[in-house]
Amino acid sequence: MNPFSRVPISTILLLCAGGISSYAQRNNPYSANPDPRAQQAITIPNDRPLPPVESRPSVARQTYNIAAIAAARSLKPTEIYKIGIGDVLFISLKNASNASGYYTVRSDGTIDFPLAGESPVVEALTLDQLEDLLASGVTLYKDAQVQAKVREYASHKINVTGMVQRDGEKFLQREAMPLFTIKADAIVDPAATKVLIRRSEMAKPDVYSLHDETTDDVLIYPGYSIEFTADGRSATLASTGFFYIAGAVASIGQKELAAGMTVFQAVVASGGVKGNAKKAFVRRKSEVGKLTVAEYDLKKIRDGKTADPLLQPGDMIEITN
């Protein structure tokens, strides 16, 4: 005979609901400890499995995601920023007061945010997309509310030189920014008459007149080199380009590549070797982006026993013992 056959159905439903509530509390490590007296009052075992949790996003969430992606694609590059390697993010979880911190985007495009899974990939996401990604990955808190900001911009680099007060590397805070914002930040000399913009290491620079009002609207993207100069004045970007030198030399970094410059001349222009360095490794990028490496003996070049090879724009030189 069923022991519950004479128990009103409303009582059974009430007891079952209490059992499920107790189950949820016992299995939630962040819930308050249940009242032992309430546990003792529940005597009916719940041997029926709980219904599976729906892991797929709801129709509303799917619709929102599609709309967010479409909106991001429709925005102009001056209105959007996509997270890049080296950026420092501040991420806070409003549901938990102690779940906030700074996270640097690693070289593989991930961050260490374990609440949302193992190393979520955040590179190339907007902040809105990042917040949605992390919120959907957080399982410890119901309806996770994530807020993210970029605290340090480090991925969208450009280089500014020439007739300016503030030259050097700068970092864009959008996918592209109009030239007038670069001018304002660099504080261009009023005597400058033109700007040279090189879009890649191997490209020839485009020349724009600063007297033309439309020049202010030229968009500057990450990786560009910009030089402000004047008519009749020699320009760095108008020369052959740049080479890069590292290792055992007095001065490392990006250097101007003069026409006809050789490996040994580049070493001399960089202040000479340090210590007993004898070798030069030249890494050169091909048209398809593949690096080739050539090794040269500096002592033999100096003594005239072997040819001193010509450099090309973008060459990377490493001086070693």
C-alpha atoms as a PDB file:
ATOM      1  CA  MET A   1       0.000   0.000   0.000  1.00  0.00           C
ATOM      2  CA  ASN A   2       1.322   3.443  -0.893  1.00  0.00           C
ATOM      3  CA  PRO A   3       2.045   5.291   2.398  1.00  0.00           C
ATOM      4  CA  PHE A   4       1.243   8.597   0.757  1.00  0.00           C
ATOM      5  CA  SER A   5      -2.077   7.570  -0.789  1.00  0.00           C
ATOM      6  CA  ARG A   6      -4.049   9.365   1.907  1.00  0.00           C
ATOM      7  CA  VAL A   7      -1.811  12.424   2.149  1.00  0.00           C
ATOM      8  CA  PRO A   8      -3.278  15.469   0.377  1.00  0.00           C
ATOM      9  CA  ILE A   9      -1.529  16.200  -2.893  1.00  0.00           C
ATOM     10  CA  SER A  10      -0.836  19.821  -1.806  1.00  0.00           C
ATOM     11  CA  THR A  11       1.117  18.539   1.185  1.00  0.00           C
ATOM     12  CA  ILE A  12       3.213  16.214  -0.991  1.00  0.00           C
ATOM     13  CA  LEU A  13       4.018  19.033  -3.433  1.00  0.00           C
ATOM     14  CA  LEU A  14       5.001  21.334  -0.580  1.00  0.00           C
ATOM     15  CA  LEU A  15       7.311  18.720   0.922  1.00  0.00           C
ATOM     16  CA  CYS A  16       8.909  17.938  -2.454  1.00  0.00           C
ATOM     17  CA  ALA A  17       9.520  21.631  -3.079  1.00  0.00           C
ATOM     18  CA  GLY A  18      11.249  21.874   0.272  1.00  0.00           C
ATOM     19  CA  GLY A  19      13.425  18.895  -0.637  1.00  0.00           C
ATOM     20  CA  ILE A  20      14.537  20.445  -3.887  1.00  0.00           C
ATOM     21  CA  SER A  21      15.297  23.755  -2.154  1.00  0.00           C
ATOM     22  CA  SER A  22      17.372  21.929   0.466  1.00  0.00           C
ATOM     23  CA  TYR A  23      19.203  20.054  -2.309  1.00  0.00           C
ATOM     24  CA  ALA A  24      20.114  23.296  -4.060  1.00  0.00           C
ATOM     25  CA  GLN A  25      21.382  24.882  -0.861  1.00  0.00           C
ATOM     26  CA  ARG A  26      23.482  21.864   0.155  1.00  0.00           C
ATOM     27  CA  ASN A  27      25.187  21.819  -3.241  1.00  0.00           C
ATOM     28  CA  ASN A  28      25.857  25.569  -3.486  1.00  0.00           C
ATOM     29  CA  PRO A  29      29.219  26.324  -1.767  1.00  0.00           C
ATOM     30  CA  TYR A  30      28.344  30.043  -1.613  1.00  0.00           C
ATOM     31  CA  SER A  31      24.882  29.714   0.030  1.00  0.00           C
ATOM     32  CA  ALA A  32      24.272  30.179   3.739  1.00  0.00           C
ATOM     33  CA  ASN A  33      24.378  27.096   5.956  1.00  0.00           C
ATOM     34  CA  PRO A  34      20.875  25.555   6.084  1.00  0.00           C
ATOM     35  CA  ASP A  35      18.966  25.376   9.355  1.00  0.00           C
ATOM     36  CA  PRO A  36      19.505  21.858  10.815  1.00  0.00           C
ATOM     37  CA  ARG A  37      15.947  21.872  12.175  1.00  0.00           C
ATOM     38  CA  ALA A  38      14.624  22.483   8.680  1.00  0.00           C
ATOM     39  CA  GLN A  39      16.691  19.520   7.445  1.00  0.00           C
ATOM     40  CA  GLN A  40      15.222  17.232  10.110  1.00  0.00           C
ATOM     41  CA  ALA A  41      11.708  18.259   9.115  1.00  0.00           C
ATOM     42  CA  ILE A  42      12.251  16.928   5.573  1.00  0.00           C
ATOM     43  CA  THR A  43      11.814  13.170   5.839  1.00  0.00           C
ATOM     44  CA  ILE A  44      10.581  12.272   2.379  1.00  0.00           C
ATOM     45  CA  PRO A  45      13.516  11.149   0.150  1.00  0.00           C
ATOM     46  CA  ASN A  46      13.757  12.712  -3.248  1.00  0.00           C
ATOM     47  CA  ASP A  47      14.961   9.845  -5.427  1.00  0.00           C
ATOM     48  CA  ARG A  48      13.865  11.439  -8.671  1.00  0.00           C
ATOM     49  CA  PRO A  49      16.702  13.204 -10.558  1.00  0.00           C
ATOM     50  CA  LEU A  50      16.503  16.947 -10.982  1.00  0.00           C
ATOM     51  CA  PRO A  51      15.716  18.103 -14.513  1.00  0.00           C
ATOM     52  CA  PRO A  52      18.850  18.934 -16.531  1.00  0.00           C
ATOM     53  CA  VAL A  53      19.914  22.588 -16.634  1.00  0.00           C
ATOM     54  CA  GLU A  54      19.489  24.098 -20.078  1.00  0.00           C
ATOM     55  CA  SER A  55      23.044  24.912 -21.224  1.00  0.00           C
ATOM     56  CA  ARG A  56      22.045  26.481 -24.507  1.00  0.00           C
ATOM     57  CA  PRO A  57      21.467  30.240 -24.541  1.00  0.00           C
ATOM     58  CA  SER A  58      17.876  31.343 -24.534  1.00  0.00           C
ATOM     59  CA  VAL A  59      16.223  32.743 -27.639  1.00  0.00           C
ATOM     60  CA  ALA A  60      16.506  36.210 -26.094  1.00  0.00           C
ATOM     61  CA  ARG A  61      20.232  35.746 -25.472  1.00  0.00           C
ATOM     62  CA  GLN A  62      20.824  34.417 -28.990  1.00  0.00           C
ATOM     63  CA  THR A  63      18.958  37.383 -30.443  1.00  0.00           C
ATOM     64  CA  TYR A  64      20.974  39.786 -28.301  1.00  0.00           C
ATOM     65  CA  ASN A  65      24.289  38.187 -29.372  1.00  0.00           C
ATOM     66  CA  ILE A  66      23.378  38.425 -33.048  1.00  0.00           C
ATOM     67  CA  ALA A  67      22.344  42.056 -32.645  1.00  0.00           C
ATOM     68  CA  ALA A  68      25.553  42.887 -30.740  1.00  0.00           C
ATOM     69  CA  ILE A  69      27.758  41.351 -33.435  1.00  0.00           C
ATOM     70  CA  ALA A  70      25.871  43.180 -36.173  1.00  0.00           C
ATOM     71  CA  ALA A  71      26.137  46.469 -34.281  1.00  0.00           C
ATOM     72  CA  ALA A  72      29.892  46.042 -33.785  1.00  0.00           C
ATOM     73  CA  ARG A  73      30.401  45.379 -37.483  1.00  0.00           C
ATOM     74  CA  SER A  74      28.441  48.495 -38.459  1.00  0.00           C
ATOM     75  CA  LEU A  75      30.498  50.843 -36.275  1.00  0.00           C
ATOM     76  CA  LYS A  76      33.221  52.979 -37.800  1.00  0.00           C
ATOM     77  CA  PRO A  77      36.835  52.182 -36.827  1.00  0.00           C
ATOM     78  CA  THR A  78      36.960  55.516 -34.969  1.00  0.00           C
ATOM     79  CA  GLU A  79      34.094  54.353 -32.740  1.00  0.00           C
ATOM     80  CA  ILE A  80      35.351  50.942 -31.709  1.00  0.00           C
ATOM     81  CA  TYR A  81      38.320  49.340 -29.971  1.00  0.00           C
ATOM     82  CA  LYS A  82      39.249  45.679 -30.204  1.00  0.00           C
ATOM     83  CA  ILE A  83      41.315  44.260 -27.384  1.00  0.00           C
ATOM     84  CA  GLY A  84      44.878  43.342 -28.317  1.00  0.00           C
ATOM     85  CA  ILE A  85      47.916  41.583 -26.913  1.00  0.00           C
ATOM     86  CA  GLY A  86      49.555  43.520 -24.099  1.00  0.00           C
ATOM     87  CA  ASP A  87      46.458  45.521 -23.149  1.00  0.00           C
ATOM     88  CA  VAL A  88      45.753  45.677 -19.420  1.00  0.00           C
ATOM     89  CA  LEU A  89      42.086  45.175 -18.533  1.00  0.00           C
ATOM     90  CA  PHE A  90      40.231  45.928 -15.316  1.00  0.00           C
ATOM     91  CA  ILE A  91      37.431  43.408 -14.857  1.00  0.00           C
ATOM     92  CA  SER A  92      34.917  43.477 -12.029  1.00  0.00           C
ATOM     93  CA  LEU A  93      32.142  41.068 -11.128  1.00  0.00           C
ATOM     94  CA  LYS A  94      29.418  43.111  -9.488  1.00  0.00           C
ATOM     95  CA  ASN A  95      27.913  40.016  -7.847  1.00  0.00           C
ATOM     96  CA  ALA A  96      31.052  39.533  -5.745  1.00  0.00           C
ATOM     97  CA  SER A  97      32.890  42.382  -4.052  1.00  0.00           C
ATOM     98  CA  ASN A  98      36.247  40.568  -4.097  1.00  0.00           C
ATOM     99  CA  ALA A  99      36.117  39.407  -7.723  1.00  0.00           C
ATOM    100  CA  SER A 100      37.790  42.423  -9.356  1.00  0.00           C
ATOM    101  CA  GLY A 101      41.308  42.833 -10.690  1.00  0.00           C
ATOM    102  CA  TYR A 102      43.702  43.715 -13.471  1.00  0.00           C
ATOM    103  CA  TYR A 103      44.375  41.249 -16.283  1.00  0.00           C
ATOM    104  CA  THR A 104      47.013  41.532 -19.021  1.00  0.00           C
ATOM    105  CA  VAL A 105      46.217  40.017 -22.415  1.00  0.00           C
ATOM    106  CA  ARG A 106      48.865  37.370 -22.983  1.00  0.00           C
ATOM    107  CA  SER A 107      50.725  36.626 -26.212  1.00  0.00           C
ATOM    108  CA  ASP A 108      48.210  33.910 -27.118  1.00  0.00           C
ATOM    109  CA  GLY A 109      45.304  36.356 -26.777  1.00  0.00           C
ATOM    110  CA  THR A 110      43.999  34.953 -23.481  1.00  0.00           C
ATOM    111  CA  ILE A 111      43.642  36.218 -19.919  1.00  0.00           C
ATOM    112  CA  ASP A 112      43.784  34.403 -16.610  1.00  0.00           C
ATOM    113  CA  PHE A 113      40.159  34.735 -15.448  1.00  0.00           C
ATOM    114  CA  PRO A 114      39.298  31.315 -13.963  1.00  0.00           C
ATOM    115  CA  LEU A 115      35.759  32.308 -12.959  1.00  0.00           C
ATOM    116  CA  ALA A 116      34.845  32.187 -16.659  1.00  0.00           C
ATOM    117  CA  GLY A 117      36.707  29.005 -17.534  1.00  0.00           C
ATOM    118  CA  GLU A 118      40.273  28.153 -18.399  1.00  0.00           C
ATOM    119  CA  SER A 119      42.083  31.043 -20.146  1.00  0.00           C
ATOM    120  CA  PRO A 120      39.269  32.674 -22.144  1.00  0.00           C
ATOM    121  CA  VAL A 121      40.379  34.151 -25.486  1.00  0.00           C
ATOM    122  CA  VAL A 122      39.704  37.889 -25.492  1.00  0.00           C
ATOM    123  CA  GLU A 123      41.870  39.194 -28.344  1.00  0.00           C
ATOM    124  CA  ALA A 124      39.934  41.055 -31.073  1.00  0.00           C
ATOM    125  CA  LEU A 125      36.829  41.411 -28.866  1.00  0.00           C
ATOM    126  CA  THR A 126      35.181  44.717 -28.055  1.00  0.00           C
ATOM    127  CA  LEU A 127      34.531  45.506 -24.402  1.00  0.00           C
ATOM    128  CA  ASP A 128      30.834  44.690 -24.827  1.00  0.00           C
ATOM    129  CA  GLN A 129      31.691  41.332 -26.378  1.00  0.00           C
ATOM    130  CA  LEU A 130      34.223  40.666 -23.614  1.00  0.00           C
ATOM    131  CA  GLU A 131      31.638  41.343 -20.906  1.00  0.00           C
ATOM    132  CA  ASP A 132      29.138  39.000 -22.565  1.00  0.00           C
ATOM    133  CA  LEU A 133      31.769  36.278 -22.995  1.00  0.00           C
ATOM    134  CA  LEU A 134      32.855  36.366 -19.362  1.00  0.00           C
ATOM    135  CA  ALA A 135      29.310  36.674 -18.005  1.00  0.00           C
ATOM    136  CA  SER A 136      28.225  33.594 -19.956  1.00  0.00           C
ATOM    137  CA  GLY A 137      31.222  31.655 -18.621  1.00  0.00           C
ATOM    138  CA  VAL A 138      30.711  32.454 -14.943  1.00  0.00           C
ATOM    139  CA  THR A 139      28.845  29.592 -13.242  1.00  0.00           C
ATOM    140  CA  LEU A 140      29.365  30.321  -9.542  1.00  0.00           C
ATOM    141  CA  TYR A 141      27.006  33.287  -9.576  1.00  0.00           C
ATOM    142  CA  LYS A 142      23.530  33.492 -10.997  1.00  0.00           C
ATOM    143  CA  ASP A 143      23.041  36.195 -13.619  1.00  0.00           C
ATOM    144  CA  ALA A 144      26.692  37.304 -13.456  1.00  0.00           C
ATOM    145  CA  GLN A 145      27.190  41.021 -14.037  1.00  0.00           C
ATOM    146  CA  VAL A 146      30.621  41.715 -15.550  1.00  0.00           C
ATOM    147  CA  GLN A 147      32.104  45.126 -16.250  1.00  0.00           C
ATOM    148  CA  ALA A 148      35.366  45.571 -18.180  1.00  0.00           C
ATOM    149  CA  LYS A 149      37.559  48.549 -19.031  1.00  0.00           C
ATOM    150  CA  VAL A 150      40.925  49.019 -20.726  1.00  0.00           C
ATOM    151  CA  ARG A 151      43.321  50.498 -18.182  1.00  0.00           C
ATOM    152  CA  GLU A 152      46.482  50.449 -20.320  1.00  0.00           C
ATOM    153  CA  TYR A 153      46.461  50.546 -24.116  1.00  0.00           C
ATOM    154  CA  ALA A 154      49.486  48.656 -25.402  1.00  0.00           C
ATOM    155  CA  SER A 155      48.531  46.865 -28.617  1.00  0.00           C
ATOM    156  CA  HIS A 156      47.620  49.547 -31.183  1.00  0.00           C
ATOM    157  CA  LYS A 157      51.058  51.097 -31.621  1.00  0.00           C
ATOM    158  CA  ILE A 158      52.124  53.873 -33.994  1.00  0.00           C
ATOM    159  CA  ASN A 159      55.369  55.840 -34.297  1.00  0.00           C
ATOM    160  CA  VAL A 160      55.509  59.647 -34.553  1.00  0.00           C
ATOM    161  CA  THR A 161      58.666  61.550 -35.546  1.00  0.00           C
ATOM    162  CA  GLY A 162      59.774  64.840 -37.068  1.00  0.00           C
ATOM    163  CA  MET A 163      58.819  68.397 -36.175  1.00  0.00           C
ATOM    164  CA  VAL A 164      56.873  67.649 -33.002  1.00  0.00           C
ATOM    165  CA  GLN A 165      57.405  68.247 -29.300  1.00  0.00           C
ATOM    166  CA  ARG A 166      56.270  64.782 -28.266  1.00  0.00           C
ATOM    167  CA  ASP A 167      57.623  62.107 -30.584  1.00  0.00           C
ATOM    168  CA  GLY A 168      58.060  58.362 -30.193  1.00  0.00           C
ATOM    169  CA  GLU A 169      55.714  55.420 -29.785  1.00  0.00           C
ATOM    170  CA  LYS A 170      52.056  56.126 -29.124  1.00  0.00           C
ATOM    171  CA  PHE A 171      49.050  53.864 -28.665  1.00  0.00           C
ATOM    172  CA  LEU A 172      45.689  54.357 -30.301  1.00  0.00           C
ATOM    173  CA  GLN A 173      42.529  54.028 -28.208  1.00  0.00           C
ATOM    174  CA  ARG A 174      40.398  53.151 -31.228  1.00  0.00           C
ATOM    175  CA  GLU A 175      40.824  50.888 -34.247  1.00  0.00           C
ATOM    176  CA  ALA A 176      41.717  54.068 -36.136  1.00  0.00           C
ATOM    177  CA  MET A 177      41.988  57.734 -35.262  1.00  0.00           C
ATOM    178  CA  PRO A 178      41.934  60.827 -37.497  1.00  0.00           C
ATOM    179  CA  LEU A 179      45.239  62.590 -38.018  1.00  0.00           C
ATOM    180  CA  PHE A 180      44.148  65.743 -36.188  1.00  0.00           C
ATOM    181  CA  THR A 181      44.067  63.817 -32.890  1.00  0.00           C
ATOM    182  CA  ILE A 182      47.661  62.670 -33.485  1.00  0.00           C
ATOM    183  CA  LYS A 183      48.681  66.258 -34.274  1.00  0.00           C
ATOM    184  CA  ALA A 184      47.127  67.532 -31.070  1.00  0.00           C
ATOM    185  CA  ASP A 185      48.810  64.892 -28.928  1.00  0.00           C
ATOM    186  CA  ALA A 186      52.261  65.260 -30.543  1.00  0.00           C
ATOM    187  CA  ILE A 187      52.124  69.113 -30.613  1.00  0.00           C
ATOM    188  CA  VAL A 188      53.253  69.735 -34.186  1.00  0.00           C
ATOM    189  CA  ASP A 189      55.631  72.604 -34.942  1.00  0.00           C
ATOM    190  CA  PRO A 190      53.703  75.418 -36.704  1.00  0.00           C
ATOM    191  CA  ALA A 191      56.492  75.533 -39.312  1.00  0.00           C
ATOM    192  CA  ALA A 192      55.710  71.983 -40.500  1.00  0.00           C
ATOM    193  CA  THR A 193      54.114  71.947 -43.934  1.00  0.00           C
ATOM    194  CA  LYS A 194      53.587  68.270 -44.706  1.00  0.00           C
ATOM    195  CA  VAL A 195      53.144  64.877 -43.139  1.00  0.00           C
ATOM    196  CA  LEU A 196      54.531  61.577 -44.397  1.00  0.00           C
ATOM    197  CA  ILE A 197      52.582  58.430 -43.518  1.00  0.00           C
ATOM    198  CA  ARG A 198      54.106  54.974 -43.983  1.00  0.00           C
ATOM    199  CA  ARG A 199      51.488  52.231 -43.672  1.00  0.00           C
ATOM    200  CA  SER A 200      53.968  49.352 -43.289  1.00  0.00           C
ATOM    201  CA  GLU A 201      57.698  48.827 -43.052  1.00  0.00           C
ATOM    202  CA  MET A 202      58.039  47.968 -46.731  1.00  0.00           C
ATOM    203  CA  ALA A 203      55.613  50.557 -48.109  1.00  0.00           C
ATOM    204  CA  LYS A 204      56.561  53.918 -49.543  1.00  0.00           C
ATOM    205  CA  PRO A 205      55.237  56.837 -47.513  1.00  0.00           C
ATOM    206  CA  ASP A 206      52.247  58.863 -48.669  1.00  0.00           C
ATOM    207  CA  VAL A 207      52.766  62.634 -48.530  1.00  0.00           C
ATOM    208  CA  TYR A 208      49.991  65.018 -47.469  1.00  0.00           C
ATOM    209  CA  SER A 209      49.990  68.779 -47.223  1.00  0.00           C
ATOM    210  CA  LEU A 210      49.210  70.193 -43.797  1.00  0.00           C
ATOM    211  CA  HIS A 211      47.692  73.211 -45.531  1.00  0.00           C
ATOM    212  CA  ASP A 212      44.953  70.962 -46.926  1.00  0.00           C
ATOM    213  CA  GLU A 213      42.057  70.773 -44.442  1.00  0.00           C
ATOM    214  CA  THR A 214      41.129  67.271 -45.612  1.00  0.00           C
ATOM    215  CA  THR A 215      44.497  65.986 -44.353  1.00  0.00           C
ATOM    216  CA  ASP A 216      43.168  66.189 -40.791  1.00  0.00           C
ATOM    217  CA  ASP A 217      40.615  63.506 -41.646  1.00  0.00           C
ATOM    218  CA  VAL A 218      43.155  60.907 -42.843  1.00  0.00           C
ATOM    219  CA  LEU A 219      42.728  57.826 -40.652  1.00  0.00           C
ATOM    220  CA  ILE A 220      45.732  56.469 -38.771  1.00  0.00           C
ATOM    221  CA  TYR A 221      45.743  52.727 -38.051  1.00  0.00           C
ATOM    222  CA  PRO A 222      47.980  50.610 -35.780  1.00  0.00           C
ATOM    223  CA  GLY A 223      51.401  49.992 -37.295  1.00  0.00           C
ATOM    224  CA  TYR A 224      51.615  53.332 -39.119  1.00  0.00           C
ATOM    225  CA  SER A 225      54.661  55.599 -38.950  1.00  0.00           C
ATOM    226  CA  ILE A 226      53.968  59.333 -39.155  1.00  0.00           C
ATOM    227  CA  GLU A 227      56.532  62.078 -39.717  1.00  0.00           C
ATOM    228  CA  PHE A 228      55.851  65.819 -39.717  1.00  0.00           C
ATOM    229  CA  THR A 229      58.312  67.861 -41.745  1.00  0.00           C
ATOM    230  CA  ALA A 230      58.644  70.951 -43.923  1.00  0.00           C
ATOM    231  CA  ASP A 231      59.353  71.649 -47.571  1.00  0.00           C
ATOM    232  CA  GLY A 232      63.060  71.671 -48.318  1.00  0.00           C
ATOM    233  CA  ARG A 233      63.829  69.631 -45.215  1.00  0.00           C
ATOM    234  CA  SER A 234      65.054  66.055 -45.423  1.00  0.00           C
ATOM    235  CA  ALA A 235      62.578  63.509 -44.110  1.00  0.00           C
ATOM    236  CA  THR A 236      63.356  60.208 -42.437  1.00  0.00           C
ATOM    237  CA  LEU A 237      60.413  58.345 -43.937  1.00  0.00           C
ATOM    238  CA  ALA A 238      61.290  59.674 -47.379  1.00  0.00           C
ATOM    239  CA  SER A 239      64.587  57.803 -47.126  1.00  0.00           C
ATOM    240  CA  THR A 240      64.951  54.096 -47.679  1.00  0.00           C
ATOM    241  CA  GLY A 241      63.253  53.180 -44.415  1.00  0.00           C
ATOM    242  CA  PHE A 242      64.308  51.566 -41.149  1.00  0.00           C
ATOM    243  CA  PHE A 243      66.337  48.662 -39.848  1.00  0.00           C
ATOM    244  CA  TYR A 244      66.389  47.186 -36.361  1.00  0.00           C
ATOM    245  CA  ILE A 245      69.454  46.201 -34.384  1.00  0.00           C
ATOM    246  CA  ALA A 246      69.836  44.382 -31.083  1.00  0.00           C
ATOM    247  CA  GLY A 247      72.390  42.477 -29.087  1.00  0.00           C
ATOM    248  CA  ALA A 248      75.972  43.498 -28.303  1.00  0.00           C
ATOM    249  CA  VAL A 249      75.965  47.034 -29.724  1.00  0.00           C
ATOM    250  CA  ALA A 250      76.101  50.387 -27.957  1.00  0.00           C
ATOM    251  CA  SER A 251      72.705  51.554 -29.214  1.00  0.00           C
ATOM    252  CA  ILE A 252      69.874  49.149 -29.996  1.00  0.00           C
ATOM    253  CA  GLY A 253      66.450  49.712 -31.515  1.00  0.00           C
ATOM    254  CA  GLN A 254      64.956  51.169 -34.695  1.00  0.00           C
ATOM    255  CA  LYS A 255      67.421  53.049 -36.917  1.00  0.00           C
ATOM    256  CA  GLU A 256      67.141  55.029 -40.125  1.00  0.00           C
ATOM    257  CA  LEU A 257      68.303  53.061 -43.157  1.00  0.00           C
ATOM    258  CA  ALA A 258      70.328  55.225 -45.500  1.00  0.00           C
ATOM    259  CA  ALA A 259      70.505  54.283 -49.160  1.00  0.00           C
ATOM    260  CA  GLY A 260      73.285  51.757 -49.758  1.00  0.00           C
ATOM    261  CA  MET A 261      73.863  51.027 -46.056  1.00  0.00           C
ATOM    262  CA  THR A 262      75.650  47.765 -45.271  1.00  0.00           C
ATOM    263  CA  VAL A 263      75.706  45.481 -42.242  1.00  0.00           C
ATOM    264  CA  PHE A 264      79.031  46.789 -40.975  1.00  0.00           C
ATOM    265  CA  GLN A 265      77.957  50.400 -41.505  1.00  0.00           C
ATOM    266  CA  ALA A 266      74.794  49.688 -39.501  1.00  0.00           C
ATOM    267  CA  VAL A 267      76.938  48.398 -36.620  1.00  0.00           C
ATOM    268  CA  VAL A 268      79.099  51.524 -36.733  1.00  0.00           C
ATOM    269  CA  ALA A 269      75.983  53.752 -36.876  1.00  0.00           C
ATOM    270  CA  SER A 270      74.759  51.961 -33.751  1.00  0.00           C
ATOM    271  CA  GLY A 271      77.868  52.896 -31.761  1.00  0.00           C
ATOM    272  CA  GLY A 272      79.945  49.801 -32.522  1.00  0.00           C
ATOM    273  CA  VAL A 273      80.058  46.398 -30.886  1.00  0.00           C
ATOM    274  CA  LYS A 274      80.331  45.744 -27.169  1.00  0.00           C
ATOM    275  CA  GLY A 275      82.859  43.254 -25.842  1.00  0.00           C
ATOM    276  CA  ASN A 276      84.128  40.593 -28.220  1.00  0.00           C
ATOM    277  CA  ALA A 277      81.068  40.331 -30.432  1.00  0.00           C
ATOM    278  CA  LYS A 278      82.018  38.836 -33.781  1.00  0.00           C
ATOM    279  CA  LYS A 279      78.829  37.650 -35.487  1.00  0.00           C
ATOM    280  CA  ALA A 280      75.883  39.369 -37.117  1.00  0.00           C
ATOM    281  CA  PHE A 281      72.623  37.564 -37.801  1.00  0.00           C
ATOM    282  CA  VAL A 282      70.383  39.335 -40.319  1.00  0.00           C
ATOM    283  CA  ARG A 283      66.718  38.341 -40.328  1.00  0.00           C
ATOM    284  CA  ARG A 284      64.785  39.406 -43.388  1.00  0.00           C
ATOM    285  CA  LYS A 285      61.069  39.030 -44.067  1.00  0.00           C
ATOM    286  CA  SER A 286      60.078  37.749 -47.502  1.00  0.00           C
ATOM    287  CA  GLU A 287      57.073  38.954 -49.495  1.00  0.00           C
ATOM    288  CA  VAL A 288      54.969  36.135 -48.036  1.00  0.00           C
ATOM    289  CA  GLY A 289      56.024  37.017 -44.496  1.00  0.00           C
ATOM    290  CA  LYS A 290      58.549  34.220 -43.950  1.00  0.00           C
ATOM    291  CA  LEU A 291      61.772  35.099 -42.128  1.00  0.00           C
ATOM    292  CA  THR A 292      65.142  34.112 -43.560  1.00  0.00           C
ATOM    293  CA  VAL A 293      68.309  34.225 -41.463  1.00  0.00           C
ATOM    294  CA  ALA A 294      71.844  34.915 -42.717  1.00  0.00           C
ATOM    295  CA  GLU A 295      74.994  34.788 -40.567  1.00  0.00           C
ATOM    296  CA  TYR A 296      78.000  37.062 -41.151  1.00  0.00           C
ATOM    297  CA  ASP A 297      81.476  37.254 -39.616  1.00  0.00           C
ATOM    298  CA  LEU A 298      82.115  40.877 -38.645  1.00  0.00           C
ATOM    299  CA  LYS A 299      85.887  40.371 -38.328  1.00  0.00           C
ATOM    300  CA  LYS A 300      86.127  39.002 -41.872  1.00  0.00           C
ATOM    301  CA  ILE A 301      83.998  41.876 -43.164  1.00  0.00           C
ATOM    302  CA  ARG A 302      86.206  44.396 -41.363  1.00  0.00           C
ATOM    303  CA  ASP A 303      89.397  42.780 -42.725  1.00  0.00           C
ATOM    304  CA  GLY A 304      88.026  42.721 -46.263  1.00  0.00           C
ATOM    305  CA  LYS A 305      87.983  38.926 -46.441  1.00  0.00           C
ATOM    306  CA  THR A 306      84.275  38.733 -47.227  1.00  0.00           C
ATOM    307  CA  ALA A 307      81.676  41.037 -48.746  1.00  0.00           C
ATOM    308  CA  ASP A 308      79.750  43.517 -46.603  1.00  0.00           C
ATOM    309  CA  PRO A 309      76.103  42.788 -47.525  1.00  0.00           C
ATOM    310  CA  LEU A 310      73.592  45.520 -48.254  1.00  0.00           C
ATOM    311  CA  LEU A 311      70.648  45.983 -45.925  1.00  0.00           C
ATOM    312  CA  GLN A 312      67.008  46.214 -46.919  1.00  0.00           C
ATOM    313  CA  PRO A 313      64.112  48.054 -45.221  1.00  0.00           C
ATOM    314  CA  GLY A 314      62.836  46.100 -42.247  1.00  0.00           C
ATOM    315  CA  ASP A 315      65.991  44.020 -41.755  1.00  0.00           C
ATOM    316  CA  MET A 316      66.597  42.902 -38.165  1.00  0.00           C
ATOM    317  CA  ILE A 317      70.228  42.583 -37.074  1.00  0.00           C
ATOM    318  CA  GLU A 318      71.414  40.749 -33.968  1.00  0.00           C
ATOM    319  CA  ILE A 319      75.032  41.084 -32.875  1.00  0.00           C
ATOM    320  CA  THR A 320      76.437  38.230 -30.769  1.00  0.00           C
ATOM    321  CA  ASN A 321      79.766  36.755 -29.650  1.00  0.00           C
END
